[in-house]
Amino acid sequence: MRVLGVDPGLTRCGIGVVEGTAGRPLSMLGVGVVRTPADAETPDRLVAVERGIEEWLDEYRPERVAVERVFSQHNVRTVMGTAQASAVAMLCAARRGLPVALHTPSEVKAAVTGTGRAEKAQVGAMVTRLLRLDAPPRPADAADALALAICHIWRAPATGRLQQAQQAQQAQRRALEQYRAAQAAGAARAAGASRAGEARAAPAAASRTPGPLAARPAAGRARPEPPAGRRPDRTTDQRPGSADATPGEGSQ
């Protein structure tokens, strides 16, 4: 893996290129600094930084770019210039489709020296030892850029496994959400079909069910009205002597 490390800054932007893999000896391919005049306007200085980084990218063709993550400082003016140079470095890498990784100073120091509170002299000494150099790179910005590249090479396998695990977890979460959505949609369709079946069956059942008048048994045929001027027959009791019998019928 070939990594270009960038220690961003407007006055001095450290650049270092390291090649190798984790667990094996590393080799330095190039190291330097992109400088801009302090009395120049900020836009012109940013253009100079961009041109310098592009030259390094053209010459060494790195596979990845590691940039120091900007953190808050007391000097707002300094941190603003560092952040602007960092953005230029990320822009140059993204324009070429190169992956960009950000590492904090504490991460770099811990990866190279074993402690996140190491001084710049310790970082330079460890960079010299790890890359088998004759002397520490100067200025310190150049050594920091090499340390960034070393940090990324050593952390890349673990970072890649972590990213793969996170991606797998996200894919599993999306699959579970899709499964639950499909289950909910199926239940909703089943409930809708059940309600539709009940609605279709209700009119048919109502047409087959007899009404209250049709269900009532017939009480008997209605008697026809007697002709005008004729007495109605007494059918309650026709026995002789009955109170309802017609006078004179019992003696016959």
C-alpha atoms as a PDB file:
ATOM      1  CA  MET A   1       0.000   0.000   0.000  1.00  0.00           C
ATOM      2  CA  ARG A   2       1.295   3.436  -0.938  1.00  0.00           C
ATOM      3  CA  VAL A   3       0.064   6.270   1.257  1.00  0.00           C
ATOM      4  CA  LEU A   4       0.625  10.011   0.967  1.00  0.00           C
ATOM      5  CA  GLY A   5       0.524  11.722   4.358  1.00  0.00           C
ATOM      6  CA  VAL A   6      -0.359  15.402   4.653  1.00  0.00           C
ATOM      7  CA  ASP A   7       0.369  17.537   7.694  1.00  0.00           C
ATOM      8  CA  PRO A   8      -1.755  20.568   6.663  1.00  0.00           C
ATOM      9  CA  GLY A   9      -0.673  24.142   7.100  1.00  0.00           C
ATOM     10  CA  LEU A  10      -0.582  27.384   5.149  1.00  0.00           C
ATOM     11  CA  THR A  11       3.012  28.374   5.831  1.00  0.00           C
ATOM     12  CA  ARG A  12       4.389  24.814   5.727  1.00  0.00           C
ATOM     13  CA  CYS A  13       2.367  21.850   4.513  1.00  0.00           C
ATOM     14  CA  GLY A  14       4.251  18.631   5.216  1.00  0.00           C
ATOM     15  CA  ILE A  15       4.108  15.879   2.590  1.00  0.00           C
ATOM     16  CA  GLY A  16       5.414  12.321   2.976  1.00  0.00           C
ATOM     17  CA  VAL A  17       4.969   9.134   0.938  1.00  0.00           C
ATOM     18  CA  VAL A  18       5.395   5.707   2.564  1.00  0.00           C
ATOM     19  CA  GLU A  19       4.937   2.267   1.024  1.00  0.00           C
ATOM     20  CA  GLY A  20       4.427  -1.060   2.770  1.00  0.00           C
ATOM     21  CA  THR A  21       1.989  -3.250   4.651  1.00  0.00           C
ATOM     22  CA  ALA A  22       1.197  -3.791   8.317  1.00  0.00           C
ATOM     23  CA  GLY A  23       3.605  -6.168  10.008  1.00  0.00           C
ATOM     24  CA  ARG A  24       6.358  -5.722   7.434  1.00  0.00           C
ATOM     25  CA  PRO A  25       9.179  -3.189   7.006  1.00  0.00           C
ATOM     26  CA  LEU A  26       8.113   0.146   5.536  1.00  0.00           C
ATOM     27  CA  SER A  27      10.006   2.303   3.065  1.00  0.00           C
ATOM     28  CA  MET A  28       9.958   6.035   2.470  1.00  0.00           C
ATOM     29  CA  LEU A  29       9.529   7.091  -1.140  1.00  0.00           C
ATOM     30  CA  GLY A  30       9.603  10.849  -0.664  1.00  0.00           C
ATOM     31  CA  VAL A  31       9.266  13.620   1.886  1.00  0.00           C
ATOM     32  CA  GLY A  32       9.066  17.387   1.665  1.00  0.00           C
ATOM     33  CA  VAL A  33       7.199  20.577   2.460  1.00  0.00           C
ATOM     34  CA  VAL A  34       4.944  22.841   0.395  1.00  0.00           C
ATOM     35  CA  ARG A  35       5.662  26.418   1.451  1.00  0.00           C
ATOM     36  CA  THR A  36       3.684  29.599   0.868  1.00  0.00           C
ATOM     37  CA  PRO A  37       4.711  33.213   1.648  1.00  0.00           C
ATOM     38  CA  ALA A  38       3.181  34.501   4.854  1.00  0.00           C
ATOM     39  CA  ASP A  39       2.499  37.938   3.349  1.00  0.00           C
ATOM     40  CA  ALA A  40       0.425  36.551   0.443  1.00  0.00           C
ATOM     41  CA  GLU A  41      -3.356  36.616   0.398  1.00  0.00           C
ATOM     42  CA  THR A  42      -5.092  33.499   1.713  1.00  0.00           C
ATOM     43  CA  PRO A  43      -6.676  32.554  -1.640  1.00  0.00           C
ATOM     44  CA  ASP A  44      -3.259  32.732  -3.345  1.00  0.00           C
ATOM     45  CA  ARG A  45      -1.683  30.638  -0.602  1.00  0.00           C
ATOM     46  CA  LEU A  46      -4.383  27.994  -0.943  1.00  0.00           C
ATOM     47  CA  VAL A  47      -3.777  27.855  -4.691  1.00  0.00           C
ATOM     48  CA  ALA A  48      -0.082  27.306  -4.019  1.00  0.00           C
ATOM     49  CA  VAL A  49      -0.852  24.492  -1.585  1.00  0.00           C
ATOM     50  CA  GLU A  50      -3.184  22.889  -4.122  1.00  0.00           C
ATOM     51  CA  ARG A  51      -0.562  23.016  -6.865  1.00  0.00           C
ATOM     52  CA  GLY A  52       2.094  21.563  -4.583  1.00  0.00           C
ATOM     53  CA  ILE A  53      -0.084  18.631  -3.505  1.00  0.00           C
ATOM     54  CA  GLU A  54      -1.077  17.953  -7.111  1.00  0.00           C
ATOM     55  CA  GLU A  55       2.606  17.693  -8.067  1.00  0.00           C
ATOM     56  CA  TRP A  56       3.179  15.108  -5.339  1.00  0.00           C
ATOM     57  CA  LEU A  57       0.132  13.138  -6.430  1.00  0.00           C
ATOM     58  CA  ASP A  58       1.282  13.166 -10.050  1.00  0.00           C
ATOM     59  CA  GLU A  59       4.789  12.014  -9.174  1.00  0.00           C
ATOM     60  CA  TYR A  60       4.122   9.247  -6.624  1.00  0.00           C
ATOM     61  CA  ARG A  61       0.626   8.026  -7.539  1.00  0.00           C
ATOM     62  CA  PRO A  62      -0.469   7.025  -4.015  1.00  0.00           C
ATOM     63  CA  GLU A  63      -3.327   4.627  -3.385  1.00  0.00           C
ATOM     64  CA  ARG A  64      -4.600   6.495  -0.334  1.00  0.00           C
ATOM     65  CA  VAL A  65      -4.207   9.871   1.342  1.00  0.00           C
ATOM     66  CA  ALA A  66      -3.943  10.374   5.102  1.00  0.00           C
ATOM     67  CA  VAL A  67      -4.586  13.868   6.473  1.00  0.00           C
ATOM     68  CA  GLU A  68      -4.228  15.090  10.033  1.00  0.00           C
ATOM     69  CA  ARG A  69      -7.609  15.814  11.593  1.00  0.00           C
ATOM     70  CA  VAL A  70      -7.871  19.443  12.669  1.00  0.00           C
ATOM     71  CA  PHE A  71      -8.721  19.957  16.335  1.00  0.00           C
ATOM     72  CA  SER A  72      -9.578  23.063  18.314  1.00  0.00           C
ATOM     73  CA  GLN A  73      -6.761  25.315  19.372  1.00  0.00           C
ATOM     74  CA  HIS A  74      -6.538  28.569  21.283  1.00  0.00           C
ATOM     75  CA  ASN A  75      -5.221  30.426  18.242  1.00  0.00           C
ATOM     76  CA  VAL A  76      -8.301  30.643  16.024  1.00  0.00           C
ATOM     77  CA  ARG A  77      -6.348  32.186  13.143  1.00  0.00           C
ATOM     78  CA  THR A  78      -3.903  29.287  13.078  1.00  0.00           C
ATOM     79  CA  VAL A  79      -6.577  26.605  13.238  1.00  0.00           C
ATOM     80  CA  MET A  80      -8.509  28.288  10.417  1.00  0.00           C
ATOM     81  CA  GLY A  81      -5.487  28.203   8.116  1.00  0.00           C
ATOM     82  CA  THR A  82      -4.806  24.572   9.031  1.00  0.00           C
ATOM     83  CA  ALA A  83      -8.411  23.636   8.321  1.00  0.00           C
ATOM     84  CA  GLN A  84      -8.308  25.401   4.952  1.00  0.00           C
ATOM     85  CA  ALA A  85      -5.131  23.581   3.929  1.00  0.00           C
ATOM     86  CA  SER A  86      -6.637  20.304   5.102  1.00  0.00           C
ATOM     87  CA  ALA A  87      -9.681  20.915   2.928  1.00  0.00           C
ATOM     88  CA  VAL A  88      -7.449  21.561  -0.085  1.00  0.00           C
ATOM     89  CA  ALA A  89      -5.638  18.248   0.493  1.00  0.00           C
ATOM     90  CA  MET A  90      -8.915  16.344   0.723  1.00  0.00           C
ATOM     91  CA  LEU A  91     -10.183  18.099  -2.394  1.00  0.00           C
ATOM     92  CA  CYS A  92      -7.113  17.071  -4.404  1.00  0.00           C
ATOM     93  CA  ALA A  93      -7.490  13.450  -3.320  1.00  0.00           C
ATOM     94  CA  ALA A  94     -11.246  13.310  -3.916  1.00  0.00           C
ATOM     95  CA  ARG A  95     -10.854  14.792  -7.367  1.00  0.00           C
ATOM     96  CA  ARG A  96      -8.706  11.771  -8.277  1.00  0.00           C
ATOM     97  CA  GLY A  97     -11.011   9.293  -6.579  1.00  0.00           C
ATOM     98  CA  LEU A  98      -8.488   8.483  -3.837  1.00  0.00           C
ATOM     99  CA  PRO A  99      -9.745   7.354  -0.406  1.00  0.00           C
ATOM    100  CA  VAL A 100      -9.036   9.907   2.324  1.00  0.00           C
ATOM    101  CA  ALA A 101      -8.478   9.031   5.989  1.00  0.00           C
ATOM    102  CA  LEU A 102      -8.320  11.511   8.869  1.00  0.00           C
ATOM    103  CA  HIS A 103      -6.222  10.787  11.952  1.00  0.00           C
ATOM    104  CA  THR A 104      -5.910  12.877  15.081  1.00  0.00           C
ATOM    105  CA  PRO A 105      -2.465  13.837  16.396  1.00  0.00           C
ATOM    106  CA  SER A 106      -3.001  11.564  19.409  1.00  0.00           C
ATOM    107  CA  GLU A 107      -3.766   8.602  17.156  1.00  0.00           C
ATOM    108  CA  VAL A 108      -0.628   9.226  15.115  1.00  0.00           C
ATOM    109  CA  LYS A 109       1.596   9.591  18.176  1.00  0.00           C
ATOM    110  CA  ALA A 110       0.146   6.460  19.779  1.00  0.00           C
ATOM    111  CA  ALA A 111       0.616   4.433  16.595  1.00  0.00           C
ATOM    112  CA  VAL A 112       4.220   5.517  16.074  1.00  0.00           C
ATOM    113  CA  THR A 113       5.578   5.903  19.632  1.00  0.00           C
ATOM    114  CA  GLY A 114       3.084   3.970  21.767  1.00  0.00           C
ATOM    115  CA  THR A 115       1.810   7.009  23.625  1.00  0.00           C
ATOM    116  CA  GLY A 116      -0.564   9.764  22.561  1.00  0.00           C
ATOM    117  CA  ARG A 117       1.378  12.370  24.568  1.00  0.00           C
ATOM    118  CA  ALA A 118       4.701  12.019  22.771  1.00  0.00           C
ATOM    119  CA  GLU A 119       6.706  15.105  21.858  1.00  0.00           C
ATOM    120  CA  LYS A 120       7.647  15.996  18.289  1.00  0.00           C
ATOM    121  CA  ALA A 121      11.229  14.902  18.915  1.00  0.00           C
ATOM    122  CA  GLN A 122      10.025  11.430  19.906  1.00  0.00           C
ATOM    123  CA  VAL A 123       7.853  11.200  16.803  1.00  0.00           C
ATOM    124  CA  GLY A 124      10.768  12.191  14.580  1.00  0.00           C
ATOM    125  CA  ALA A 125      13.078   9.659  16.247  1.00  0.00           C
ATOM    126  CA  MET A 126      10.586   6.806  15.799  1.00  0.00           C
ATOM    127  CA  VAL A 127       9.920   7.764  12.178  1.00  0.00           C
ATOM    128  CA  THR A 128      13.678   7.678  11.536  1.00  0.00           C
ATOM    129  CA  ARG A 129      13.926   4.251  13.122  1.00  0.00           C
ATOM    130  CA  LEU A 130      10.874   2.733  11.449  1.00  0.00           C
ATOM    131  CA  LEU A 131      11.851   3.933   7.968  1.00  0.00           C
ATOM    132  CA  ARG A 132      15.557   3.209   8.523  1.00  0.00           C
ATOM    133  CA  LEU A 133      16.638   6.775   7.756  1.00  0.00           C
ATOM    134  CA  ASP A 134      20.018   8.298   8.445  1.00  0.00           C
ATOM    135  CA  ALA A 135      18.566  11.352  10.206  1.00  0.00           C
ATOM    136  CA  PRO A 136      15.157  12.640  11.280  1.00  0.00           C
ATOM    137  CA  PRO A 137      13.324  14.500   8.512  1.00  0.00           C
ATOM    138  CA  ARG A 138      13.381  18.281   8.734  1.00  0.00           C
ATOM    139  CA  PRO A 139      11.338  20.307   9.383  1.00  0.00           C
ATOM    140  CA  ALA A 140       9.046  18.618  11.901  1.00  0.00           C
ATOM    141  CA  ASP A 141       6.082  19.020   9.524  1.00  0.00           C
ATOM    142  CA  ALA A 142       7.731  16.556   7.127  1.00  0.00           C
ATOM    143  CA  ALA A 143       8.263  14.019   9.921  1.00  0.00           C
ATOM    144  CA  ASP A 144       4.638  14.423  10.969  1.00  0.00           C
ATOM    145  CA  ALA A 145       3.504  13.726   7.398  1.00  0.00           C
ATOM    146  CA  LEU A 146       5.520  10.491   7.338  1.00  0.00           C
ATOM    147  CA  ALA A 147       4.095   9.548  10.729  1.00  0.00           C
ATOM    148  CA  LEU A 148       0.580  10.052   9.325  1.00  0.00           C
ATOM    149  CA  ALA A 149       1.316   7.684   6.449  1.00  0.00           C
ATOM    150  CA  ILE A 150       2.798   5.078   8.817  1.00  0.00           C
ATOM    151  CA  CYS A 151      -0.203   5.369  11.133  1.00  0.00           C
ATOM    152  CA  HIS A 152      -2.617   4.769   8.287  1.00  0.00           C
ATOM    153  CA  ILE A 153      -0.745   1.741   6.952  1.00  0.00           C
ATOM    154  CA  TRP A 154      -0.709   0.126  10.379  1.00  0.00           C
ATOM    155  CA  ARG A 155      -4.314   0.982  11.197  1.00  0.00           C
ATOM    156  CA  ALA A 156      -5.763   0.216   7.767  1.00  0.00           C
ATOM    157  CA  PRO A 157      -6.399  -3.537   8.320  1.00  0.00           C
ATOM    158  CA  ALA A 158      -8.185  -2.992  11.620  1.00  0.00           C
ATOM    159  CA  THR A 159     -10.080  -0.038  10.220  1.00  0.00           C
ATOM    160  CA  GLY A 160     -11.101  -2.087   7.185  1.00  0.00           C
ATOM    161  CA  ARG A 161     -12.388  -4.922   9.349  1.00  0.00           C
ATOM    162  CA  LEU A 162     -14.287  -2.463  11.497  1.00  0.00           C
ATOM    163  CA  GLN A 163     -15.872  -0.866   8.446  1.00  0.00           C
ATOM    164  CA  GLN A 164     -16.830  -4.279   7.073  1.00  0.00           C
ATOM    165  CA  ALA A 165     -18.418  -5.212  10.391  1.00  0.00           C
ATOM    166  CA  GLN A 166     -20.331  -1.936  10.467  1.00  0.00           C
ATOM    167  CA  GLN A 167     -21.502  -2.435   6.883  1.00  0.00           C
ATOM    168  CA  ALA A 168     -22.604  -5.993   7.654  1.00  0.00           C
ATOM    169  CA  GLN A 169     -24.496  -4.775  10.704  1.00  0.00           C
ATOM    170  CA  GLN A 170     -26.194  -2.065   8.690  1.00  0.00           C
ATOM    171  CA  ALA A 171     -27.130  -4.565   5.967  1.00  0.00           C
ATOM    172  CA  GLN A 172     -28.557  -6.917   8.594  1.00  0.00           C
ATOM    173  CA  ARG A 173     -30.534  -4.066  10.128  1.00  0.00           C
ATOM    174  CA  ARG A 174     -31.935  -3.076   6.718  1.00  0.00           C
ATOM    175  CA  ALA A 175     -32.874  -6.698   5.971  1.00  0.00           C
ATOM    176  CA  LEU A 176     -34.670  -6.965   9.317  1.00  0.00           C
ATOM    177  CA  GLU A 177     -36.548  -3.729   8.673  1.00  0.00           C
ATOM    178  CA  GLN A 178     -37.567  -4.956   5.207  1.00  0.00           C
ATOM    179  CA  TYR A 179     -38.734  -8.276   6.681  1.00  0.00           C
ATOM    180  CA  ARG A 180     -40.819  -6.519   9.315  1.00  0.00           C
ATOM    181  CA  ALA A 181     -42.293  -4.194   6.702  1.00  0.00           C
ATOM    182  CA  ALA A 182     -43.186  -7.173   4.496  1.00  0.00           C
ATOM    183  CA  GLN A 183     -44.806  -8.937   7.461  1.00  0.00           C
ATOM    184  CA  ALA A 184     -46.823  -5.853   8.329  1.00  0.00           C
ATOM    185  CA  ALA A 185     -47.915  -5.398   4.708  1.00  0.00           C
ATOM    186  CA  GLY A 186     -48.977  -9.064   4.486  1.00  0.00           C
ATOM    187  CA  ALA A 187     -50.980  -8.793   7.692  1.00  0.00           C
ATOM    188  CA  ALA A 188     -52.644  -5.623   6.408  1.00  0.00           C
ATOM    189  CA  ARG A 189     -53.546  -7.321   3.109  1.00  0.00           C
ATOM    190  CA  ALA A 190     -54.957 -10.343   4.933  1.00  0.00           C
ATOM    191  CA  ALA A 191     -57.046  -8.133   7.205  1.00  0.00           C
ATOM    192  CA  GLY A 192     -58.329  -6.174   4.210  1.00  0.00           C
ATOM    193  CA  ALA A 193     -59.262  -9.363   2.348  1.00  0.00           C
ATOM    194  CA  SER A 194     -61.101 -10.672   5.433  1.00  0.00           C
ATOM    195  CA  ARG A 195     -63.078  -7.462   5.786  1.00  0.00           C
ATOM    196  CA  ALA A 196     -63.906  -7.489   2.068  1.00  0.00           C
ATOM    197  CA  GLY A 197     -65.149 -11.097   2.311  1.00  0.00           C
ATOM    198  CA  GLU A 198     -67.332 -10.247   5.259  1.00  0.00           C
ATOM    199  CA  ALA A 199     -68.754  -7.266   3.389  1.00  0.00           C
ATOM    200  CA  ARG A 200     -69.583  -9.446   0.354  1.00  0.00           C
ATOM    201  CA  ALA A 201     -71.160 -12.175   2.490  1.00  0.00           C
ATOM    202  CA  ALA A 202     -73.393  -9.823   4.507  1.00  0.00           C
ATOM    203  CA  PRO A 203     -75.938  -8.963   1.698  1.00  0.00           C
ATOM    204  CA  ALA A 204     -76.291 -12.612   0.664  1.00  0.00           C
ATOM    205  CA  ALA A 205     -76.960 -13.696   4.243  1.00  0.00           C
ATOM    206  CA  ALA A 206     -79.483 -10.913   4.671  1.00  0.00           C
ATOM    207  CA  SER A 207     -81.414 -12.044   1.549  1.00  0.00           C
ATOM    208  CA  ARG A 208     -81.655 -15.638   2.851  1.00  0.00           C
ATOM    209  CA  THR A 209     -82.802 -14.725   6.367  1.00  0.00           C
ATOM    210  CA  PRO A 210     -86.632 -14.470   6.673  1.00  0.00           C
ATOM    211  CA  GLY A 211     -88.077 -11.256   7.939  1.00  0.00           C
ATOM    212  CA  PRO A 212     -90.190 -10.940  11.078  1.00  0.00           C
ATOM    213  CA  LEU A 213     -93.512 -11.136   9.150  1.00  0.00           C
ATOM    214  CA  ALA A 214     -92.511 -14.117   7.065  1.00  0.00           C
ATOM    215  CA  ALA A 215     -91.253 -16.000  10.114  1.00  0.00           C
ATOM    216  CA  ARG A 216     -94.543 -15.540  12.033  1.00  0.00           C
ATOM    217  CA  PRO A 217     -96.850 -18.602  11.623  1.00  0.00           C
ATOM    218  CA  ALA A 218    -100.280 -18.056  10.022  1.00  0.00           C
ATOM    219  CA  ALA A 219    -103.053 -17.678  12.585  1.00  0.00           C
ATOM    220  CA  GLY A 220    -105.781 -18.917  10.213  1.00  0.00           C
ATOM    221  CA  ARG A 221    -107.717 -17.713   7.289  1.00  0.00           C
ATOM    222  CA  ALA A 222    -109.592 -14.480   7.687  1.00  0.00           C
ATOM    223  CA  ARG A 223    -113.330 -14.915   7.785  1.00  0.00           C
ATOM    224  CA  PRO A 224    -115.251 -13.384   4.938  1.00  0.00           C
ATOM    225  CA  GLU A 225    -117.638 -10.607   5.844  1.00  0.00           C
ATOM    226  CA  PRO A 226    -121.348 -11.789   5.868  1.00  0.00           C
ATOM    227  CA  PRO A 227    -123.726 -10.360   3.318  1.00  0.00           C
ATOM    228  CA  ALA A 228    -125.587  -7.250   4.238  1.00  0.00           C
ATOM    229  CA  GLY A 229    -128.768  -7.916   6.287  1.00  0.00           C
ATOM    230  CA  ARG A 230    -127.751 -11.466   7.334  1.00  0.00           C
ATOM    231  CA  ARG A 231    -126.970 -12.403  10.856  1.00  0.00           C
ATOM    232  CA  PRO A 232    -123.534 -13.907  11.391  1.00  0.00           C
ATOM    233  CA  ASP A 233    -123.404 -17.562  12.437  1.00  0.00           C
ATOM    234  CA  ARG A 234    -122.674 -18.350  16.047  1.00  0.00           C
ATOM    235  CA  THR A 235    -119.890 -20.849  16.014  1.00  0.00           C
ATOM    236  CA  THR A 236    -118.734 -20.449  19.547  1.00  0.00           C
ATOM    237  CA  ASP A 237    -121.213 -22.947  21.041  1.00  0.00           C
ATOM    238  CA  GLN A 238    -124.174 -24.521  19.114  1.00  0.00           C
ATOM    239  CA  ARG A 239    -125.369 -26.791  21.903  1.00  0.00           C
ATOM    240  CA  PRO A 240    -129.044 -26.516  23.014  1.00  0.00           C
ATOM    241  CA  GLY A 241    -129.359 -24.378  26.033  1.00  0.00           C
ATOM    242  CA  SER A 242    -126.087 -22.633  25.440  1.00  0.00           C
ATOM    243  CA  ALA A 243    -126.084 -18.930  26.048  1.00  0.00           C
ATOM    244  CA  ASP A 244    -124.736 -18.375  22.598  1.00  0.00           C
ATOM    245  CA  ALA A 245    -127.205 -20.709  20.800  1.00  0.00           C
ATOM    246  CA  THR A 246    -129.776 -19.211  18.469  1.00  0.00           C
ATOM    247  CA  PRO A 247    -133.218 -19.018  20.040  1.00  0.00           C
ATOM    248  CA  GLY A 248    -135.562 -21.733  18.788  1.00  0.00           C
ATOM    249  CA  GLU A 249    -132.780 -23.993  17.439  1.00  0.00           C
ATOM    250  CA  GLY A 250    -132.521 -26.116  20.577  1.00  0.00           C
ATOM    251  CA  SER A 251    -136.234 -27.076  20.510  1.00  0.00           C
ATOM    252  CA  GLN A 252    -136.109 -28.372  17.039  1.00  0.00           C
END
